[in-house]
Amino acid sequence: MRDEYDFSKGRPNPYAKRLKKRVTIRLDERTIDYFRELSEETGIPYQTLINLYLRDCAASRRRLSMSWRPRKARSAG
């Protein structure tokens, strides 16, 4: 192995921007704790596990089964 390498003729990876995109997402603590525990069991970083799970959901076009109830209007007074 060399002590130094010459990268002066190197060029950036043209596919790097397609690999991952940094986003801010708000997750509750129970969700983060779940993936951190899973991370300790598997040895896979928890953020990678979250990404893998979401990718699987997107690939299988999985949708949540949710029903929303309209809020009752509060009376003034």
Protein backbone atom coordinates (compact mmCIF):
# COMPACT_ATOMS: atom_id res chain seq x y z
CA MET A 1 0.00 0.00 0.00
CA ARG A 2 1.33 3.43 -0.88
CA ASP A 3 1.77 6.23 1.63
CA GLU A 4 0.17 8.68 -0.80
CA TYR A 5 -2.00 8.44 -3.89
CA ASP A 6 -2.33 10.88 -6.79
CA PHE A 7 -5.96 11.79 -7.44
CA SER A 8 -5.17 14.82 -9.60
CA LYS A 9 -6.52 13.05 -12.71
CA GLY A 10 -9.52 11.61 -10.88
CA ARG A 11 -13.07 12.66 -11.59
CA PRO A 12 -16.18 12.55 -9.41
CA ASN A 13 -18.48 9.55 -9.64
CA PRO A 14 -21.25 10.60 -12.07
CA TYR A 15 -23.71 8.27 -10.31
CA ALA A 16 -23.05 9.46 -6.75
CA LYS A 17 -25.98 11.90 -6.68
CA ARG A 18 -28.37 9.13 -7.71
CA LEU A 19 -27.38 6.85 -4.86
CA LYS A 20 -28.84 8.62 -1.87
CA LYS A 21 -30.39 11.96 -1.03
CA ARG A 22 -30.16 13.58 2.37
CA VAL A 23 -33.56 14.45 3.85
CA THR A 24 -34.85 15.46 7.23
CA ILE A 25 -37.58 13.22 8.58
CA ARG A 26 -39.27 13.30 11.96
CA LEU A 27 -39.70 9.87 13.56
CA ASP A 28 -41.06 9.10 17.00
CA GLU A 29 -38.70 7.64 19.59
CA ARG A 30 -40.38 4.22 19.64
CA THR A 31 -39.75 3.82 15.91
CA ILE A 32 -36.11 4.84 16.22
CA ASP A 33 -35.64 2.54 19.24
CA TYR A 34 -37.13 -0.37 17.28
CA PHE A 35 -34.73 0.09 14.37
CA ARG A 36 -31.75 0.66 16.70
CA GLU A 37 -32.50 -2.62 18.49
CA LEU A 38 -32.84 -4.36 15.15
CA SER A 39 -29.54 -2.76 14.15
CA GLU A 40 -27.78 -4.26 17.18
CA GLU A 41 -29.19 -7.71 16.33
CA THR A 42 -28.26 -7.60 12.65
CA GLY A 43 -25.14 -5.44 12.62
CA ILE A 44 -26.71 -3.22 9.96
CA PRO A 45 -26.84 0.54 10.71
CA TYR A 46 -30.34 1.62 11.78
CA GLN A 47 -30.64 4.29 9.09
CA THR A 48 -29.84 1.65 6.47
CA LEU A 49 -32.54 -0.61 7.95
CA ILE A 50 -35.09 2.20 7.78
CA ASN A 51 -34.11 2.86 4.15
CA LEU A 52 -34.36 -0.85 3.27
CA TYR A 53 -37.80 -1.09 4.87
CA LEU A 54 -39.10 2.00 3.08
CA ARG A 55 -37.60 0.81 -0.22
CA ASP A 56 -39.36 -2.54 0.20
CA CYS A 57 -42.65 -0.74 0.87
CA ALA A 58 -42.17 1.40 -2.24
CA ALA A 59 -41.14 -1.54 -4.43
CA SER A 60 -44.21 -3.56 -3.43
CA ARG A 61 -46.41 -0.45 -3.61
CA ARG A 62 -47.58 -1.18 -0.06
CA ARG A 63 -50.10 1.26 1.35
CA LEU A 64 -51.28 1.84 4.88
CA SER A 65 -54.83 0.98 5.74
CA MET A 66 -55.99 4.10 7.54
CA SER A 67 -59.27 5.79 8.19
CA TRP A 68 -59.50 9.35 9.40
CA ARG A 69 -62.34 10.68 11.44
CA PRO A 70 -63.11 14.36 11.07
CA ARG A 71 -62.54 16.36 14.23
CA LYS A 72 -65.59 17.65 15.98
CA ALA A 73 -65.79 21.43 15.90
CA ARG A 74 -65.23 23.06 19.26
CA SER A 75 -67.88 25.38 20.51
CA ALA A 76 -66.76 28.91 21.34
CA GLY A 77 -67.23 29.89 24.91
